Amino acid sequence: MDDIRLTRTLREQGYNYDDLRRLQQAGELVRIRRGAYALRDRSDLTLEERHRRLVLATAPQLLDGAVLSHGSAAVLHGLPVWPAAVEWVHVTRSRRGGGIKRGLSRCTGLRWLRPRSS
């Protein structure tokens, strides 16, 4: 499953953007995300396997200090996840300002973020 190829690596190997487009049209490359391709389409993958593939395509493009977290980390560790946990690749990074603190509220099954009162 680790058949991910980054655009920059393919370009270093001599492929140009027209070559990549032709390979996609021929089904030899499948775009996983911006800047990353897989060597073949895998429609037989489970939810976790598809997310793992997306994580593997994303991780090399992260800036220093970023770590995979939440559902994405769970998938890499082989832990069970629910579909909502893997809708996005989850990344956490340290911020100088410490980020914004938010409270989580629920209303009839819907979730929204609400700033905490001071």
PDB file of N, CA and C in Angstrom:
ATOM      1  N   MET A   1       0.815  -1.188   0.000  1.00  0.00           N
ATOM      2  CA  MET A   1       0.000   0.000   0.000  1.00  0.00           C
ATOM      3  C   MET A   1       0.862   1.257   0.000  1.00  0.00           C
ATOM      4  N   ASP A   2       2.128   1.135   0.304  1.00  0.00           N
ATOM      5  CA  ASP A   2       2.992   2.308   0.360  1.00  0.00           C
ATOM      6  C   ASP A   2       3.514   2.642  -1.039  1.00  0.00           C
ATOM      7  N   ASP A   3       2.587   2.822  -1.967  1.00  0.00           N
ATOM      8  CA  ASP A   3       2.940   3.106  -3.354  1.00  0.00           C
ATOM      9  C   ASP A   3       2.781   4.579  -3.684  1.00  0.00           C
ATOM     10  N   ILE A   4       2.941   5.443  -2.704  1.00  0.00           N
ATOM     11  CA  ILE A   4       2.759   6.883  -2.866  1.00  0.00           C
ATOM     12  C   ILE A   4       4.010   7.479  -3.497  1.00  0.00           C
ATOM     13  N   ARG A   5       3.789   8.340  -4.483  1.00  0.00           N
ATOM     14  CA  ARG A   5       4.874   9.061  -5.134  1.00  0.00           C
ATOM     15  C   ARG A   5       4.551  10.551  -5.104  1.00  0.00           C
ATOM     16  N   LEU A   6       5.467  11.334  -4.590  1.00  0.00           N
ATOM     17  CA  LEU A   6       5.273  12.778  -4.560  1.00  0.00           C
ATOM     18  C   LEU A   6       5.600  13.380  -5.921  1.00  0.00           C
ATOM     19  N   THR A   7       4.905  14.450  -6.245  1.00  0.00           N
ATOM     20  CA  THR A   7       5.144  15.125  -7.516  1.00  0.00           C
ATOM     21  C   THR A   7       6.601  15.529  -7.632  1.00  0.00           C
ATOM     22  N   ARG A   8       7.178  16.067  -6.561  1.00  0.00           N
ATOM     23  CA  ARG A   8       8.569  16.508  -6.635  1.00  0.00           C
ATOM     24  C   ARG A   8       9.518  15.358  -6.947  1.00  0.00           C
ATOM     25  N   THR A   9       9.226  14.159  -6.427  1.00  0.00           N
ATOM     26  CA  THR A   9      10.060  12.990  -6.710  1.00  0.00           C
ATOM     27  C   THR A   9       9.913  12.570  -8.167  1.00  0.00           C
ATOM     28  N   LEU A  10       8.683  12.558  -8.650  1.00  0.00           N
ATOM     29  CA  LEU A  10       8.450  12.200 -10.057  1.00  0.00           C
ATOM     30  C   LEU A  10       9.127  13.206 -10.985  1.00  0.00           C
ATOM     31  N   ARG A  11       9.083  14.488 -10.619  1.00  0.00           N
ATOM     32  CA  ARG A  11       9.740  15.520 -11.432  1.00  0.00           C
ATOM     33  C   ARG A  11      11.261  15.320 -11.420  1.00  0.00           C
ATOM     34  N   GLU A  12      11.821  14.940 -10.269  1.00  0.00           N
ATOM     35  CA  GLU A  12      13.260  14.666 -10.187  1.00  0.00           C
ATOM     36  C   GLU A  12      13.644  13.466 -11.041  1.00  0.00           C
ATOM     37  N   GLN A  13      12.701  12.553 -11.251  1.00  0.00           N
ATOM     38  CA  GLN A  13      12.945  11.373 -12.076  1.00  0.00           C
ATOM     39  C   GLN A  13      12.772  11.666 -13.567  1.00  0.00           C
ATOM     40  N   GLY A  14      12.441  12.917 -13.892  1.00  0.00           N
ATOM     41  CA  GLY A  14      12.368  13.314 -15.291  1.00  0.00           C
ATOM     42  C   GLY A  14      10.975  13.464 -15.871  1.00  0.00           C
ATOM     43  N   TYR A  15       9.943  13.213 -15.081  1.00  0.00           N
ATOM     44  CA  TYR A  15       8.579  13.387 -15.569  1.00  0.00           C
ATOM     45  C   TYR A  15       8.211  14.870 -15.538  1.00  0.00           C
ATOM     46  N   ASN A  16       7.522  15.335 -16.568  1.00  0.00           N
ATOM     47  CA  ASN A  16       7.007  16.702 -16.526  1.00  0.00           C
ATOM     48  C   ASN A  16       5.507  16.630 -16.251  1.00  0.00           C
ATOM     49  N   TYR A  17       4.883  17.807 -16.132  1.00  0.00           N
ATOM     50  CA  TYR A  17       3.456  17.831 -15.779  1.00  0.00           C
ATOM     51  C   TYR A  17       2.577  17.198 -16.860  1.00  0.00           C
ATOM     52  N   ASP A  18       2.972  17.324 -18.118  1.00  0.00           N
ATOM     53  CA  ASP A  18       2.220  16.667 -19.194  1.00  0.00           C
ATOM     54  C   ASP A  18       2.307  15.147 -19.059  1.00  0.00           C
ATOM     55  N   ASP A  19       3.495  14.642 -18.707  1.00  0.00           N
ATOM     56  CA  ASP A  19       3.664  13.199 -18.486  1.00  0.00           C
ATOM     57  C   ASP A  19       2.747  12.721 -17.363  1.00  0.00           C
ATOM     58  N   LEU A  20       2.700  13.483 -16.283  1.00  0.00           N
ATOM     59  CA  LEU A  20       1.856  13.095 -15.142  1.00  0.00           C
ATOM     60  C   LEU A  20       0.386  13.088 -15.532  1.00  0.00           C
ATOM     61  N   ARG A  21      -0.017  14.061 -16.313  1.00  0.00           N
ATOM     62  CA  ARG A  21      -1.408  14.117 -16.778  1.00  0.00           C
ATOM     63  C   ARG A  21      -1.729  12.909 -17.669  1.00  0.00           C
ATOM     64  N   ARG A  22      -0.803  12.570 -18.564  1.00  0.00           N
ATOM     65  CA  ARG A  22      -1.012  11.403 -19.445  1.00  0.00           C
ATOM     66  C   ARG A  22      -1.086  10.107 -18.635  1.00  0.00           C
ATOM     67  N   LEU A  23      -0.207   9.963 -17.655  1.00  0.00           N
ATOM     68  CA  LEU A  23      -0.221   8.761 -16.813  1.00  0.00           C
ATOM     69  C   LEU A  23      -1.525   8.653 -16.022  1.00  0.00           C
ATOM     70  N   GLN A  24      -2.056   9.785 -15.585  1.00  0.00           N
ATOM     71  CA  GLN A  24      -3.351   9.780 -14.897  1.00  0.00           C
ATOM     72  C   GLN A  24      -4.459   9.342 -15.844  1.00  0.00           C
ATOM     73  N   GLN A  25      -4.454   9.892 -17.043  1.00  0.00           N
ATOM     74  CA  GLN A  25      -5.495   9.544 -18.018  1.00  0.00           C
ATOM     75  C   GLN A  25      -5.420   8.080 -18.411  1.00  0.00           C
ATOM     76  N   ALA A  26      -4.213   7.519 -18.415  1.00  0.00           N
ATOM     77  CA  ALA A  26      -4.039   6.103 -18.757  1.00  0.00           C
ATOM     78  C   ALA A  26      -4.335   5.192 -17.565  1.00  0.00           C
ATOM     79  N   GLY A  27      -4.559   5.768 -16.386  1.00  0.00           N
ATOM     80  CA  GLY A  27      -4.851   4.980 -15.198  1.00  0.00           C
ATOM     81  C   GLY A  27      -3.624   4.423 -14.511  1.00  0.00           C
ATOM     82  N   GLU A  28      -2.439   4.855 -14.932  1.00  0.00           N
ATOM     83  CA  GLU A  28      -1.204   4.364 -14.320  1.00  0.00           C
ATOM     84  C   GLU A  28      -0.844   5.127 -13.050  1.00  0.00           C
ATOM     85  N   LEU A  29      -1.347   6.336 -12.927  1.00  0.00           N
ATOM     86  CA  LEU A  29      -1.187   7.137 -11.716  1.00  0.00           C
ATOM     87  C   LEU A  29      -2.554   7.599 -11.260  1.00  0.00           C
ATOM     88  N   VAL A  30      -2.754   7.624  -9.953  1.00  0.00           N
ATOM     89  CA  VAL A  30      -4.003   8.112  -9.373  1.00  0.00           C
ATOM     90  C   VAL A  30      -3.639   9.222  -8.401  1.00  0.00           C
ATOM     91  N   ARG A  31      -4.277  10.375  -8.567  1.00  0.00           N
ATOM     92  CA  ARG A  31      -3.999  11.506  -7.673  1.00  0.00           C
ATOM     93  C   ARG A  31      -4.648  11.247  -6.322  1.00  0.00           C
ATOM     94  N   ILE A  32      -3.845  11.235  -5.278  1.00  0.00           N
ATOM     95  CA  ILE A  32      -4.337  11.022  -3.922  1.00  0.00           C
ATOM     96  C   ILE A  32      -4.677  12.365  -3.280  1.00  0.00           C
ATOM     97  N   ARG A  33      -3.829  13.338  -3.495  1.00  0.00           N
ATOM     98  CA  ARG A  33      -4.015  14.697  -3.006  1.00  0.00           C
ATOM     99  C   ARG A  33      -3.056  15.578  -3.790  1.00  0.00           C
ATOM    100  N   ARG A  34      -3.165  16.889  -3.586  1.00  0.00           N
ATOM    101  CA  ARG A  34      -2.256  17.795  -4.285  1.00  0.00           C
ATOM    102  C   ARG A  34      -0.821  17.400  -3.956  1.00  0.00           C
ATOM    103  N   GLY A  35      -0.045  17.156  -4.995  1.00  0.00           N
ATOM    104  CA  GLY A  35       1.367  16.844  -4.810  1.00  0.00           C
ATOM    105  C   GLY A  35       1.680  15.393  -4.541  1.00  0.00           C
ATOM    106  N   ALA A  36       0.690  14.494  -4.626  1.00  0.00           N
ATOM    107  CA  ALA A  36       0.947  13.081  -4.327  1.00  0.00           C
ATOM    108  C   ALA A  36       0.072  12.170  -5.186  1.00  0.00           C
ATOM    109  N   TYR A  37       0.679  11.105  -5.666  1.00  0.00           N
ATOM    110  CA  TYR A  37       0.002  10.132  -6.516  1.00  0.00           C
ATOM    111  C   TYR A  37       0.247   8.729  -5.988  1.00  0.00           C
ATOM    112  N   ALA A  38      -0.617   7.820  -6.389  1.00  0.00           N
ATOM    113  CA  ALA A  38      -0.414   6.392  -6.133  1.00  0.00           C
ATOM    114  C   ALA A  38      -0.224   5.722  -7.484  1.00  0.00           C
ATOM    115  N   LEU A  39       0.423   4.576  -7.470  1.00  0.00           N
ATOM    116  CA  LEU A  39       0.722   3.889  -8.722  1.00  0.00           C
ATOM    117  C   LEU A  39      -0.475   3.169  -9.320  1.00  0.00           C
ATOM    118  N   ARG A  40      -1.497   2.960  -8.519  1.00  0.00           N
ATOM    119  CA  ARG A  40      -2.685   2.269  -9.055  1.00  0.00           C
ATOM    120  C   ARG A  40      -3.906   2.626  -8.222  1.00  0.00           C
ATOM    121  N   ASP A  41      -5.055   2.490  -8.842  1.00  0.00           N
ATOM    122  CA  ASP A  41      -6.315   2.742  -8.141  1.00  0.00           C
ATOM    123  C   ASP A  41      -6.641   1.522  -7.302  1.00  0.00           C
ATOM    124  N   ARG A  42      -7.119   1.739  -6.110  1.00  0.00           N
ATOM    125  CA  ARG A  42      -7.442   0.637  -5.208  1.00  0.00           C
ATOM    126  C   ARG A  42      -8.842   0.845  -4.649  1.00  0.00           C
ATOM    127  N   SER A  43      -9.841   0.539  -5.433  1.00  0.00           N
ATOM    128  CA  SER A  43     -11.224   0.711  -4.988  1.00  0.00           C
ATOM    129  C   SER A  43     -11.623  -0.329  -3.941  1.00  0.00           C
ATOM    130  N   ASP A  44     -10.775  -1.340  -3.744  1.00  0.00           N
ATOM    131  CA  ASP A  44     -11.072  -2.406  -2.785  1.00  0.00           C
ATOM    132  C   ASP A  44     -10.625  -2.069  -1.360  1.00  0.00           C
ATOM    133  N   LEU A  45     -10.060  -0.897  -1.146  1.00  0.00           N
ATOM    134  CA  LEU A  45      -9.536  -0.549   0.171  1.00  0.00           C
ATOM    135  C   LEU A  45     -10.649  -0.248   1.172  1.00  0.00           C
ATOM    136  N   THR A  46     -10.398  -0.592   2.417  1.00  0.00           N
ATOM    137  CA  THR A  46     -11.331  -0.250   3.491  1.00  0.00           C
ATOM    138  C   THR A  46     -11.209   1.239   3.803  1.00  0.00           C
ATOM    139  N   LEU A  47     -12.104   1.741   4.611  1.00  0.00           N
ATOM    140  CA  LEU A  47     -12.068   3.134   5.037  1.00  0.00           C
ATOM    141  C   LEU A  47     -10.717   3.466   5.678  1.00  0.00           C
ATOM    142  N   GLU A  48     -10.249   2.602   6.565  1.00  0.00           N
ATOM    143  CA  GLU A  48      -8.987   2.830   7.252  1.00  0.00           C
ATOM    144  C   GLU A  48      -7.816   2.800   6.272  1.00  0.00           C
ATOM    145  N   GLU A  49      -7.838   1.867   5.316  1.00  0.00           N
ATOM    146  CA  GLU A  49      -6.761   1.768   4.340  1.00  0.00           C
ATOM    147  C   GLU A  49      -6.722   2.986   3.418  1.00  0.00           C
ATOM    148  N   ARG A  50      -7.899   3.483   3.030  1.00  0.00           N
ATOM    149  CA  ARG A  50      -7.942   4.693   2.197  1.00  0.00           C
ATOM    150  C   ARG A  50      -7.382   5.884   2.966  1.00  0.00           C
ATOM    151  N   HIS A  51      -7.742   5.971   4.242  1.00  0.00           N
ATOM    152  CA  HIS A  51      -7.236   7.089   5.043  1.00  0.00           C
ATOM    153  C   HIS A  51      -5.735   6.953   5.252  1.00  0.00           C
ATOM    154  N   ARG A  52      -5.262   5.748   5.488  1.00  0.00           N
ATOM    155  CA  ARG A  52      -3.815   5.535   5.661  1.00  0.00           C
ATOM    156  C   ARG A  52      -3.073   5.984   4.409  1.00  0.00           C
ATOM    157  N   ARG A  53      -3.621   5.686   3.268  1.00  0.00           N
ATOM    158  CA  ARG A  53      -3.005   6.090   2.002  1.00  0.00           C
ATOM    159  C   ARG A  53      -2.943   7.619   1.902  1.00  0.00           C
ATOM    160  N   LEU A  54      -4.021   8.279   2.296  1.00  0.00           N
ATOM    161  CA  LEU A  54      -4.046   9.738   2.285  1.00  0.00           C
ATOM    162  C   LEU A  54      -3.045  10.310   3.287  1.00  0.00           C
ATOM    163  N   VAL A  55      -2.945   9.693   4.455  1.00  0.00           N
ATOM    164  CA  VAL A  55      -1.976  10.128   5.469  1.00  0.00           C
ATOM    165  C   VAL A  55      -0.558   9.990   4.931  1.00  0.00           C
ATOM    166  N   LEU A  56      -0.263   8.867   4.286  1.00  0.00           N
ATOM    167  CA  LEU A  56       1.077   8.649   3.739  1.00  0.00           C
ATOM    168  C   LEU A  56       1.398   9.630   2.617  1.00  0.00           C
ATOM    169  N   ALA A  57       0.378  10.114   1.932  1.00  0.00           N
ATOM    170  CA  ALA A  57       0.576  11.124   0.889  1.00  0.00           C
ATOM    171  C   ALA A  57       0.750  12.515   1.487  1.00  0.00           C
ATOM    172  N   THR A  58       0.204  12.729   2.662  1.00  0.00           N
ATOM    173  CA  THR A  58       0.233  14.043   3.307  1.00  0.00           C
ATOM    174  C   THR A  58       1.484  14.238   4.160  1.00  0.00           C
ATOM    175  N   ALA A  59       1.871  13.222   4.906  1.00  0.00           N
ATOM    176  CA  ALA A  59       2.942  13.350   5.905  1.00  0.00           C
ATOM    177  C   ALA A  59       4.243  13.942   5.351  1.00  0.00           C
ATOM    178  N   PRO A  60       4.725  13.514   4.187  1.00  0.00           N
ATOM    179  CA  PRO A  60       5.994  14.085   3.704  1.00  0.00           C
ATOM    180  C   PRO A  60       5.896  15.567   3.343  1.00  0.00           C
ATOM    181  N   GLN A  61       4.693  16.089   3.223  1.00  0.00           N
ATOM    182  CA  GLN A  61       4.505  17.480   2.840  1.00  0.00           C
ATOM    183  C   GLN A  61       4.292  18.405   4.042  1.00  0.00           C
ATOM    184  N   LEU A  62       4.293  17.836   5.241  1.00  0.00           N
ATOM    185  CA  LEU A  62       4.072  18.630   6.448  1.00  0.00           C
ATOM    186  C   LEU A  62       5.324  19.425   6.812  1.00  0.00           C
ATOM    187  N   LEU A  63       5.116  20.556   7.438  1.00  0.00           N
ATOM    188  CA  LEU A  63       6.229  21.365   7.913  1.00  0.00           C
ATOM    189  C   LEU A  63       6.804  20.758   9.185  1.00  0.00           C
ATOM    190  N   ASP A  64       8.040  21.133   9.495  1.00  0.00           N
ATOM    191  CA  ASP A  64       8.676  20.661  10.728  1.00  0.00           C
ATOM    192  C   ASP A  64       7.818  21.016  11.925  1.00  0.00           C
ATOM    193  N   GLY A  65       7.747  20.116  12.876  1.00  0.00           N
ATOM    194  CA  GLY A  65       6.999  20.360  14.094  1.00  0.00           C
ATOM    195  C   GLY A  65       5.563  19.877  14.042  1.00  0.00           C
ATOM    196  N   ALA A  66       5.076  19.518  12.860  1.00  0.00           N
ATOM    197  CA  ALA A  66       3.708  19.015  12.740  1.00  0.00           C
ATOM    198  C   ALA A  66       3.710  17.508  12.987  1.00  0.00           C
ATOM    199  N   VAL A  67       2.682  17.046  13.679  1.00  0.00           N
ATOM    200  CA  VAL A  67       2.547  15.606  13.930  1.00  0.00           C
ATOM    201  C   VAL A  67       1.139  15.165  13.552  1.00  0.00           C
ATOM    202  N   LEU A  68       1.042  13.940  13.105  1.00  0.00           N
ATOM    203  CA  LEU A  68      -0.269  13.373  12.804  1.00  0.00           C
ATOM    204  C   LEU A  68      -0.967  13.081  14.121  1.00  0.00           C
ATOM    205  N   SER A  69      -2.249  13.345  14.179  1.00  0.00           N
ATOM    206  CA  SER A  69      -2.958  13.209  15.443  1.00  0.00           C
ATOM    207  C   SER A  69      -4.374  12.681  15.219  1.00  0.00           C
ATOM    208  N   HIS A  70      -5.082  12.507  16.300  1.00  0.00           N
ATOM    209  CA  HIS A  70      -6.486  12.120  16.317  1.00  0.00           C
ATOM    210  C   HIS A  70      -6.732  10.851  15.491  1.00  0.00           C
ATOM    211  N   GLY A  71      -7.731  10.898  14.612  1.00  0.00           N
ATOM    212  CA  GLY A  71      -8.085   9.723  13.820  1.00  0.00           C
ATOM    213  C   GLY A  71      -6.972   9.261  12.907  1.00  0.00           C
ATOM    214  N   SER A  72      -6.190  10.199  12.395  1.00  0.00           N
ATOM    215  CA  SER A  72      -5.081   9.831  11.493  1.00  0.00           C
ATOM    216  C   SER A  72      -4.021   9.023  12.231  1.00  0.00           C
ATOM    217  N   ALA A  73      -3.699   9.437  13.445  1.00  0.00           N
ATOM    218  CA  ALA A  73      -2.729   8.686  14.248  1.00  0.00           C
ATOM    219  C   ALA A  73      -3.304   7.319  14.620  1.00  0.00           C
ATOM    220  N   ALA A  74      -4.591   7.281  14.928  1.00  0.00           N
ATOM    221  CA  ALA A  74      -5.223   6.003  15.281  1.00  0.00           C
ATOM    222  C   ALA A  74      -5.113   5.008  14.134  1.00  0.00           C
ATOM    223  N   VAL A  75      -5.346   5.468  12.909  1.00  0.00           N
ATOM    224  CA  VAL A  75      -5.249   4.582  11.746  1.00  0.00           C
ATOM    225  C   VAL A  75      -3.832   4.044  11.597  1.00  0.00           C
ATOM    226  N   LEU A  76      -2.834   4.912  11.770  1.00  0.00           N
ATOM    227  CA  LEU A  76      -1.442   4.461  11.640  1.00  0.00           C
ATOM    228  C   LEU A  76      -1.061   3.445  12.714  1.00  0.00           C
ATOM    229  N   HIS A  77      -1.725   3.527  13.871  1.00  0.00           N
ATOM    230  CA  HIS A  77      -1.447   2.578  14.950  1.00  0.00           C
ATOM    231  C   HIS A  77      -2.338   1.335  14.878  1.00  0.00           C
ATOM    232  N   GLY A  78      -3.161   1.252  13.835  1.00  0.00           N
ATOM    233  CA  GLY A  78      -4.018   0.083  13.668  1.00  0.00           C
ATOM    234  C   GLY A  78      -5.215   0.053  14.596  1.00  0.00           C
ATOM    235  N   LEU A  79      -5.577   1.194  15.162  1.00  0.00           N
ATOM    236  CA  LEU A  79      -6.723   1.251  16.071  1.00  0.00           C
ATOM    237  C   LEU A  79      -8.019   1.420  15.283  1.00  0.00           C
ATOM    238  N   PRO A  80      -9.118   0.950  15.824  1.00  0.00           N
ATOM    239  CA  PRO A  80     -10.400   1.123  15.126  1.00  0.00           C
ATOM    240  C   PRO A  80     -10.820   2.592  15.157  1.00  0.00           C
ATOM    241  N   VAL A  81     -11.465   3.022  14.087  1.00  0.00           N
ATOM    242  CA  VAL A  81     -11.944   4.403  13.987  1.00  0.00           C
ATOM    243  C   VAL A  81     -13.358   4.397  13.436  1.00  0.00           C
ATOM    244  N   TRP A  82     -14.076   5.480  13.652  1.00  0.00           N
ATOM    245  CA  TRP A  82     -15.398   5.650  13.076  1.00  0.00           C
ATOM    246  C   TRP A  82     -15.240   6.580  11.868  1.00  0.00           C
ATOM    247  N   PRO A  83     -16.163   6.549  10.920  1.00  0.00           N
ATOM    248  CA  PRO A  83     -16.003   7.315   9.676  1.00  0.00           C
ATOM    249  C   PRO A  83     -15.724   8.804   9.877  1.00  0.00           C
ATOM    250  N   ALA A  84     -16.385   9.452  10.811  1.00  0.00           N
ATOM    251  CA  ALA A  84     -16.172  10.887  10.997  1.00  0.00           C
ATOM    252  C   ALA A  84     -14.749  11.199  11.461  1.00  0.00           C
ATOM    253  N   ALA A  85     -14.088  10.230  12.082  1.00  0.00           N
ATOM    254  CA  ALA A  85     -12.736  10.463  12.601  1.00  0.00           C
ATOM    255  C   ALA A  85     -11.694  10.510  11.496  1.00  0.00           C
ATOM    256  N   VAL A  86     -12.053  10.048  10.313  1.00  0.00           N
ATOM    257  CA  VAL A  86     -11.073  10.001   9.222  1.00  0.00           C
ATOM    258  C   VAL A  86     -11.562  10.748   7.979  1.00  0.00           C
ATOM    259  N   GLU A  87     -12.409  11.734   8.198  1.00  0.00           N
ATOM    260  CA  GLU A  87     -12.859  12.545   7.062  1.00  0.00           C
ATOM    261  C   GLU A  87     -11.735  13.448   6.560  1.00  0.00           C
ATOM    262  N   TRP A  88     -10.831  13.846   7.445  1.00  0.00           N
ATOM    263  CA  TRP A  88      -9.688  14.684   7.102  1.00  0.00           C
ATOM    264  C   TRP A  88      -8.450  14.083   7.714  1.00  0.00           C
ATOM    265  N   VAL A  89      -7.291  14.460   7.171  1.00  0.00           N
ATOM    266  CA  VAL A  89      -6.034  14.111   7.827  1.00  0.00           C
ATOM    267  C   VAL A  89      -5.862  15.096   8.974  1.00  0.00           C
ATOM    268  N   HIS A  90      -5.695  14.564  10.168  1.00  0.00           N
ATOM    269  CA  HIS A  90      -5.562  15.395  11.362  1.00  0.00           C
ATOM    270  C   HIS A  90      -4.092  15.625  11.673  1.00  0.00           C
ATOM    271  N   VAL A  91      -3.746  16.893  11.806  1.00  0.00           N
ATOM    272  CA  VAL A  91      -2.370  17.291  12.089  1.00  0.00           C
ATOM    273  C   VAL A  91      -2.405  18.272  13.254  1.00  0.00           C
ATOM    274  N   THR A  92      -1.461  18.121  14.149  1.00  0.00           N
ATOM    275  CA  THR A  92      -1.324  19.040  15.274  1.00  0.00           C
ATOM    276  C   THR A  92       0.075  19.617  15.226  1.00  0.00           C
ATOM    277  N   ARG A  93       0.145  20.909  15.510  1.00  0.00           N
ATOM    278  CA  ARG A  93       1.456  21.542  15.568  1.00  0.00           C
ATOM    279  C   ARG A  93       1.467  22.537  16.717  1.00  0.00           C
ATOM    280  N   SER A  94       2.622  22.729  17.259  1.00  0.00           N
ATOM    281  CA  SER A  94       2.778  23.671  18.352  1.00  0.00           C
ATOM    282  C   SER A  94       2.737  25.084  17.784  1.00  0.00           C
ATOM    283  N   ARG A  95       2.006  25.948  18.467  1.00  0.00           N
ATOM    284  CA  ARG A  95       1.941  27.349  18.050  1.00  0.00           C
ATOM    285  C   ARG A  95       2.477  28.215  19.163  1.00  0.00           C
ATOM    286  N   ARG A  96       3.190  29.239  18.803  1.00  0.00           N
ATOM    287  CA  ARG A  96       3.779  30.128  19.813  1.00  0.00           C
ATOM    288  C   ARG A  96       2.710  30.720  20.716  1.00  0.00           C
ATOM    289  N   GLY A  97       1.597  31.120  20.147  1.00  0.00           N
ATOM    290  CA  GLY A  97       0.540  31.742  20.932  1.00  0.00           C
ATOM    291  C   GLY A  97      -0.294  30.751  21.712  1.00  0.00           C
ATOM    292  N   GLY A  98      -0.078  29.467  21.495  1.00  0.00           N
ATOM    293  CA  GLY A  98      -0.828  28.458  22.213  1.00  0.00           C
ATOM    294  C   GLY A  98      -2.194  28.174  21.632  1.00  0.00           C
ATOM    295  N   GLY A  99      -2.564  28.857  20.558  1.00  0.00           N
ATOM    296  CA  GLY A  99      -3.853  28.605  19.930  1.00  0.00           C
ATOM    297  C   GLY A  99      -4.999  29.272  20.669  1.00  0.00           C
ATOM    298  N   ILE A 100      -6.159  29.062  20.174  1.00  0.00           N
ATOM    299  CA  ILE A 100      -7.371  29.633  20.766  1.00  0.00           C
ATOM    300  C   ILE A 100      -8.083  28.526  21.518  1.00  0.00           C
ATOM    301  N   LYS A 101      -8.461  28.781  22.730  1.00  0.00           N
ATOM    302  CA  LYS A 101      -9.222  27.792  23.494  1.00  0.00           C
ATOM    303  C   LYS A 101     -10.685  27.898  23.110  1.00  0.00           C
ATOM    304  N   ARG A 102     -11.293  26.762  22.866  1.00  0.00           N
ATOM    305  CA  ARG A 102     -12.701  26.745  22.491  1.00  0.00           C
ATOM    306  C   ARG A 102     -13.432  25.709  23.328  1.00  0.00           C
ATOM    307  N   GLY A 103     -14.695  25.981  23.587  1.00  0.00           N
ATOM    308  CA  GLY A 103     -15.545  25.008  24.252  1.00  0.00           C
ATOM    309  C   GLY A 103     -16.376  24.293  23.197  1.00  0.00           C
ATOM    310  N   LEU A 104     -16.772  23.093  23.465  1.00  0.00           N
ATOM    311  CA  LEU A 104     -17.597  22.328  22.536  1.00  0.00           C
ATOM    312  C   LEU A 104     -19.000  22.240  23.113  1.00  0.00           C
ATOM    313  N   SER A 105     -19.969  22.607  22.314  1.00  0.00           N
ATOM    314  CA  SER A 105     -21.365  22.544  22.751  1.00  0.00           C
ATOM    315  C   SER A 105     -22.132  21.598  21.845  1.00  0.00           C
ATOM    316  N   ARG A 106     -23.223  21.063  22.342  1.00  0.00           N
ATOM    317  CA  ARG A 106     -24.065  20.174  21.545  1.00  0.00           C
ATOM    318  C   ARG A 106     -25.492  20.694  21.558  1.00  0.00           C
ATOM    319  N   CYS A 107     -26.156  20.526  20.438  1.00  0.00           N
ATOM    320  CA  CYS A 107     -27.557  20.911  20.344  1.00  0.00           C
ATOM    321  C   CYS A 107     -28.236  19.955  19.388  1.00  0.00           C
ATOM    322  N   THR A 108     -29.145  19.154  19.849  1.00  0.00           N
ATOM    323  CA  THR A 108     -29.882  18.181  19.035  1.00  0.00           C
ATOM    324  C   THR A 108     -28.970  17.405  18.095  1.00  0.00           C
ATOM    325  N   GLY A 109     -27.860  16.922  18.620  1.00  0.00           N
ATOM    326  CA  GLY A 109     -26.967  16.085  17.830  1.00  0.00           C
ATOM    327  C   GLY A 109     -26.011  16.834  16.937  1.00  0.00           C
ATOM    328  N   LEU A 110     -26.151  18.137  16.802  1.00  0.00           N
ATOM    329  CA  LEU A 110     -25.224  18.920  15.993  1.00  0.00           C
ATOM    330  C   LEU A 110     -24.109  19.440  16.870  1.00  0.00           C
ATOM    331  N   ARG A 111     -22.923  19.610  16.280  1.00  0.00           N
ATOM    332  CA  ARG A 111     -21.804  20.125  17.058  1.00  0.00           C
ATOM    333  C   ARG A 111     -21.383  21.475  16.494  1.00  0.00           C
ATOM    334  N   TRP A 112     -20.986  22.375  17.357  1.00  0.00           N
ATOM    335  CA  TRP A 112     -20.405  23.626  16.905  1.00  0.00           C
ATOM    336  C   TRP A 112     -19.427  24.091  17.972  1.00  0.00           C
ATOM    337  N   LEU A 113     -18.485  24.924  17.566  1.00  0.00           N
ATOM    338  CA  LEU A 113     -17.514  25.446  18.508  1.00  0.00           C
ATOM    339  C   LEU A 113     -17.946  26.809  18.975  1.00  0.00           C
ATOM    340  N   ARG A 114     -17.782  27.051  20.259  1.00  0.00           N
ATOM    341  CA  ARG A 114     -18.153  28.306  20.865  1.00  0.00           C
ATOM    342  C   ARG A 114     -16.989  28.780  21.715  1.00  0.00           C
ATOM    343  N   PRO A 115     -16.531  30.026  21.529  1.00  0.00           N
ATOM    344  CA  PRO A 115     -15.433  30.507  22.367  1.00  0.00           C
ATOM    345  C   PRO A 115     -15.813  30.464  23.845  1.00  0.00           C
ATOM    346  N   ARG A 116     -14.849  30.087  24.660  1.00  0.00           N
ATOM    347  CA  ARG A 116     -15.083  30.066  26.107  1.00  0.00           C
ATOM    348  C   ARG A 116     -15.186  31.498  26.615  1.00  0.00           C
ATOM    349  N   SER A 117     -16.068  31.716  27.556  1.00  0.00           N
ATOM    350  CA  SER A 117     -16.150  33.049  28.159  1.00  0.00           C
ATOM    351  C   SER A 117     -15.015  33.224  29.150  1.00  0.00           C
ATOM    352  N   SER A 118     -14.533  34.457  29.266  1.00  0.00           N
ATOM    353  CA  SER A 118     -13.387  34.692  30.152  1.00  0.00           C
ATOM    354  C   SER A 118     -13.810  34.974  31.561  1.00  0.00           C
TER     355      SER A 118
END
